[in-house]
Amino acid sequence: MRKSMSIQFKDYETVERFSKDIANMKGEFDLVSGRKVVDAKSFLGIFSLDLSAPLTLNAVTDDAQALAVFQRYVV
């Protein structure tokens, strides 16, 4: 299943929680900010993006629970 959603991180703890949530999920996850795309499982990659604006999360996974977890971060 392929899904895109708009998410935003409010603070460092939110990014840390997101990284822990996504670490063991099966699938491919990318975060997009403008023309820049990073692997959503990369903690340092996330911090290379402009976190003041919403990001687009592109998820390709068969894990239905993954989408439920991402609802915490949806704008």
N, C-alpha and C. Protein backbone atom coordinates (compact mmCIF):
# COMPACT_ATOMS: atom_id res chain seq x y z
N MET A 1 0.83 -1.17 0.00
CA MET A 1 0.00 0.00 0.00
C MET A 1 0.89 1.24 0.00
N ARG A 2 0.56 2.21 -0.83
CA ARG A 2 1.29 3.46 -0.92
C ARG A 2 0.42 4.57 -0.35
N LYS A 3 0.99 5.37 0.54
CA LYS A 3 0.22 6.42 1.21
C LYS A 3 1.12 7.64 1.40
N SER A 4 0.58 8.82 1.19
CA SER A 4 1.27 10.08 1.47
C SER A 4 0.45 10.87 2.47
N MET A 5 1.13 11.51 3.40
CA MET A 5 0.44 12.34 4.39
C MET A 5 1.33 13.49 4.81
N SER A 6 0.71 14.55 5.26
CA SER A 6 1.42 15.72 5.72
C SER A 6 1.60 15.61 7.23
N ILE A 7 2.86 15.70 7.69
CA ILE A 7 3.14 15.59 9.13
C ILE A 7 4.00 16.78 9.56
N GLN A 8 4.05 17.01 10.87
CA GLN A 8 4.90 18.06 11.40
C GLN A 8 5.39 17.67 12.79
N PHE A 9 6.63 18.04 13.07
CA PHE A 9 7.24 17.78 14.37
C PHE A 9 7.26 19.08 15.16
N LYS A 10 6.78 19.03 16.40
CA LYS A 10 6.70 20.24 17.22
C LYS A 10 7.99 20.52 17.98
N ASP A 11 8.73 19.47 18.33
CA ASP A 11 9.95 19.65 19.10
C ASP A 11 10.86 18.43 18.95
N TYR A 12 12.01 18.48 19.60
CA TYR A 12 12.99 17.41 19.52
C TYR A 12 12.41 16.08 19.98
N GLU A 13 11.63 16.09 21.05
CA GLU A 13 11.07 14.86 21.59
C GLU A 13 10.13 14.18 20.59
N THR A 14 9.42 14.98 19.81
CA THR A 14 8.52 14.43 18.79
C THR A 14 9.32 13.72 17.70
N VAL A 15 10.43 14.31 17.29
CA VAL A 15 11.29 13.68 16.29
C VAL A 15 11.86 12.39 16.85
N GLU A 16 12.29 12.41 18.10
CA GLU A 16 12.85 11.22 18.74
C GLU A 16 11.80 10.10 18.82
N ARG A 17 10.58 10.44 19.19
CA ARG A 17 9.50 9.44 19.28
C ARG A 17 9.18 8.87 17.89
N PHE A 18 9.13 9.75 16.88
CA PHE A 18 8.89 9.31 15.50
C PHE A 18 9.97 8.32 15.06
N SER A 19 11.23 8.64 15.35
CA SER A 19 12.34 7.75 14.96
C SER A 19 12.22 6.39 15.63
N LYS A 20 11.83 6.37 16.89
CA LYS A 20 11.64 5.09 17.59
C LYS A 20 10.46 4.32 17.03
N ASP A 21 9.38 5.04 16.70
CA ASP A 21 8.19 4.39 16.14
C ASP A 21 8.47 3.74 14.79
N ILE A 22 9.24 4.42 13.95
CA ILE A 22 9.44 3.97 12.57
C ILE A 22 10.60 2.97 12.44
N ALA A 23 11.47 2.90 13.42
CA ALA A 23 12.70 2.11 13.33
C ALA A 23 12.47 0.65 12.95
N ASN A 24 11.46 0.01 13.51
CA ASN A 24 11.25 -1.42 13.27
C ASN A 24 10.11 -1.73 12.30
N MET A 25 9.58 -0.69 11.66
CA MET A 25 8.51 -0.92 10.70
C MET A 25 9.07 -1.44 9.39
N LYS A 26 8.33 -2.35 8.78
CA LYS A 26 8.74 -2.88 7.49
C LYS A 26 8.13 -2.01 6.39
N GLY A 27 8.95 -1.66 5.42
CA GLY A 27 8.49 -0.84 4.31
C GLY A 27 9.50 0.24 3.99
N GLU A 28 9.14 1.08 3.05
CA GLU A 28 9.99 2.20 2.65
C GLU A 28 9.28 3.49 3.03
N PHE A 29 10.03 4.38 3.68
CA PHE A 29 9.46 5.62 4.19
C PHE A 29 10.39 6.77 3.84
N ASP A 30 9.86 7.79 3.20
CA ASP A 30 10.63 8.98 2.84
C ASP A 30 9.94 10.21 3.39
N LEU A 31 10.75 11.20 3.78
CA LEU A 31 10.24 12.50 4.17
C LEU A 31 10.66 13.51 3.11
N VAL A 32 9.72 14.35 2.69
CA VAL A 32 9.97 15.32 1.63
C VAL A 32 9.74 16.72 2.16
N SER A 33 10.71 17.59 1.92
CA SER A 33 10.61 19.00 2.26
C SER A 33 11.07 19.78 1.03
N GLY A 34 10.11 20.35 0.30
CA GLY A 34 10.46 21.02 -0.95
C GLY A 34 10.97 20.02 -1.95
N ARG A 35 12.21 20.21 -2.41
CA ARG A 35 12.80 19.27 -3.36
C ARG A 35 13.73 18.27 -2.68
N LYS A 36 13.88 18.38 -1.37
CA LYS A 36 14.78 17.51 -0.62
C LYS A 36 14.02 16.29 -0.10
N VAL A 37 14.60 15.10 -0.34
CA VAL A 37 13.99 13.84 0.11
C VAL A 37 15.01 13.09 0.95
N VAL A 38 14.59 12.62 2.13
CA VAL A 38 15.47 11.82 2.99
C VAL A 38 14.74 10.57 3.45
N ASP A 39 15.51 9.56 3.80
CA ASP A 39 14.96 8.33 4.38
C ASP A 39 14.38 8.68 5.75
N ALA A 40 13.12 8.39 5.96
CA ALA A 40 12.45 8.75 7.21
C ALA A 40 13.02 7.99 8.41
N LYS A 41 13.76 6.93 8.18
CA LYS A 41 14.36 6.18 9.28
C LYS A 41 15.70 6.76 9.70
N SER A 42 16.17 7.79 8.99
CA SER A 42 17.44 8.42 9.30
C SER A 42 17.23 9.60 10.25
N PHE A 43 17.67 9.43 11.47
CA PHE A 43 17.51 10.47 12.49
C PHE A 43 18.21 11.76 12.06
N LEU A 44 19.44 11.64 11.57
CA LEU A 44 20.18 12.82 11.12
C LEU A 44 19.57 13.40 9.85
N GLY A 45 19.04 12.52 8.99
CA GLY A 45 18.38 12.99 7.77
C GLY A 45 17.19 13.87 8.08
N ILE A 46 16.43 13.50 9.10
CA ILE A 46 15.27 14.30 9.50
C ILE A 46 15.71 15.70 9.90
N PHE A 47 16.81 15.81 10.64
CA PHE A 47 17.27 17.11 11.10
C PHE A 47 17.91 17.94 10.00
N SER A 48 18.14 17.35 8.83
CA SER A 48 18.65 18.13 7.71
C SER A 48 17.53 18.85 6.97
N LEU A 49 16.28 18.56 7.35
CA LEU A 49 15.13 19.19 6.71
C LEU A 49 14.68 20.43 7.47
N ASP A 50 13.87 21.25 6.82
CA ASP A 50 13.28 22.42 7.47
C ASP A 50 12.09 21.94 8.30
N LEU A 51 12.27 21.85 9.61
CA LEU A 51 11.23 21.30 10.48
C LEU A 51 10.21 22.34 10.93
N SER A 52 10.38 23.57 10.48
CA SER A 52 9.41 24.60 10.86
C SER A 52 8.14 24.52 10.01
N ALA A 53 8.21 23.81 8.90
CA ALA A 53 7.06 23.66 8.00
C ALA A 53 6.63 22.19 7.96
N PRO A 54 5.40 21.93 7.57
CA PRO A 54 4.97 20.53 7.44
C PRO A 54 5.80 19.78 6.40
N LEU A 55 5.98 18.50 6.63
CA LEU A 55 6.71 17.61 5.72
C LEU A 55 5.73 16.63 5.11
N THR A 56 6.10 16.06 3.98
CA THR A 56 5.28 15.02 3.38
C THR A 56 5.94 13.68 3.67
N LEU A 57 5.20 12.77 4.25
CA LEU A 57 5.67 11.41 4.51
C LEU A 57 5.10 10.51 3.43
N ASN A 58 5.99 9.90 2.65
CA ASN A 58 5.59 8.92 1.65
C ASN A 58 5.90 7.54 2.20
N ALA A 59 4.88 6.73 2.36
CA ALA A 59 5.04 5.40 2.95
C ALA A 59 4.61 4.33 1.96
N VAL A 60 5.45 3.31 1.81
CA VAL A 60 5.10 2.13 1.03
C VAL A 60 5.26 0.94 1.97
N THR A 61 4.12 0.44 2.47
CA THR A 61 4.15 -0.62 3.46
C THR A 61 2.85 -1.42 3.42
N ASP A 62 2.93 -2.64 3.89
CA ASP A 62 1.73 -3.47 4.03
C ASP A 62 1.26 -3.51 5.49
N ASP A 63 1.96 -2.81 6.35
CA ASP A 63 1.67 -2.78 7.78
C ASP A 63 0.56 -1.78 8.07
N ALA A 64 -0.64 -2.26 8.33
CA ALA A 64 -1.78 -1.38 8.60
C ALA A 64 -1.58 -0.58 9.89
N GLN A 65 -0.86 -1.15 10.85
CA GLN A 65 -0.61 -0.45 12.10
C GLN A 65 0.30 0.75 11.91
N ALA A 66 1.14 0.72 10.89
CA ALA A 66 2.06 1.84 10.63
C ALA A 66 1.27 3.11 10.38
N LEU A 67 0.22 3.01 9.60
CA LEU A 67 -0.58 4.20 9.30
C LEU A 67 -1.27 4.74 10.55
N ALA A 68 -1.66 3.86 11.45
CA ALA A 68 -2.27 4.30 12.70
C ALA A 68 -1.25 5.04 13.56
N VAL A 69 -0.02 4.57 13.58
CA VAL A 69 1.04 5.22 14.36
C VAL A 69 1.32 6.61 13.81
N PHE A 70 1.34 6.76 12.50
CA PHE A 70 1.64 8.05 11.88
C PHE A 70 0.56 9.09 12.11
N GLN A 71 -0.64 8.68 12.50
CA GLN A 71 -1.71 9.63 12.75
C GLN A 71 -1.35 10.60 13.89
N ARG A 72 -0.41 10.22 14.76
CA ARG A 72 0.02 11.10 15.86
C ARG A 72 0.70 12.36 15.34
N TYR A 73 1.28 12.26 14.14
CA TYR A 73 2.10 13.34 13.60
C TYR A 73 1.42 14.11 12.48
N VAL A 74 0.22 13.68 12.08
CA VAL A 74 -0.47 14.32 10.96
C VAL A 74 -0.91 15.72 11.32
N VAL A 75 -0.73 16.62 10.36
CA VAL A 75 -1.14 18.02 10.56
C VAL A 75 -2.60 18.15 10.22
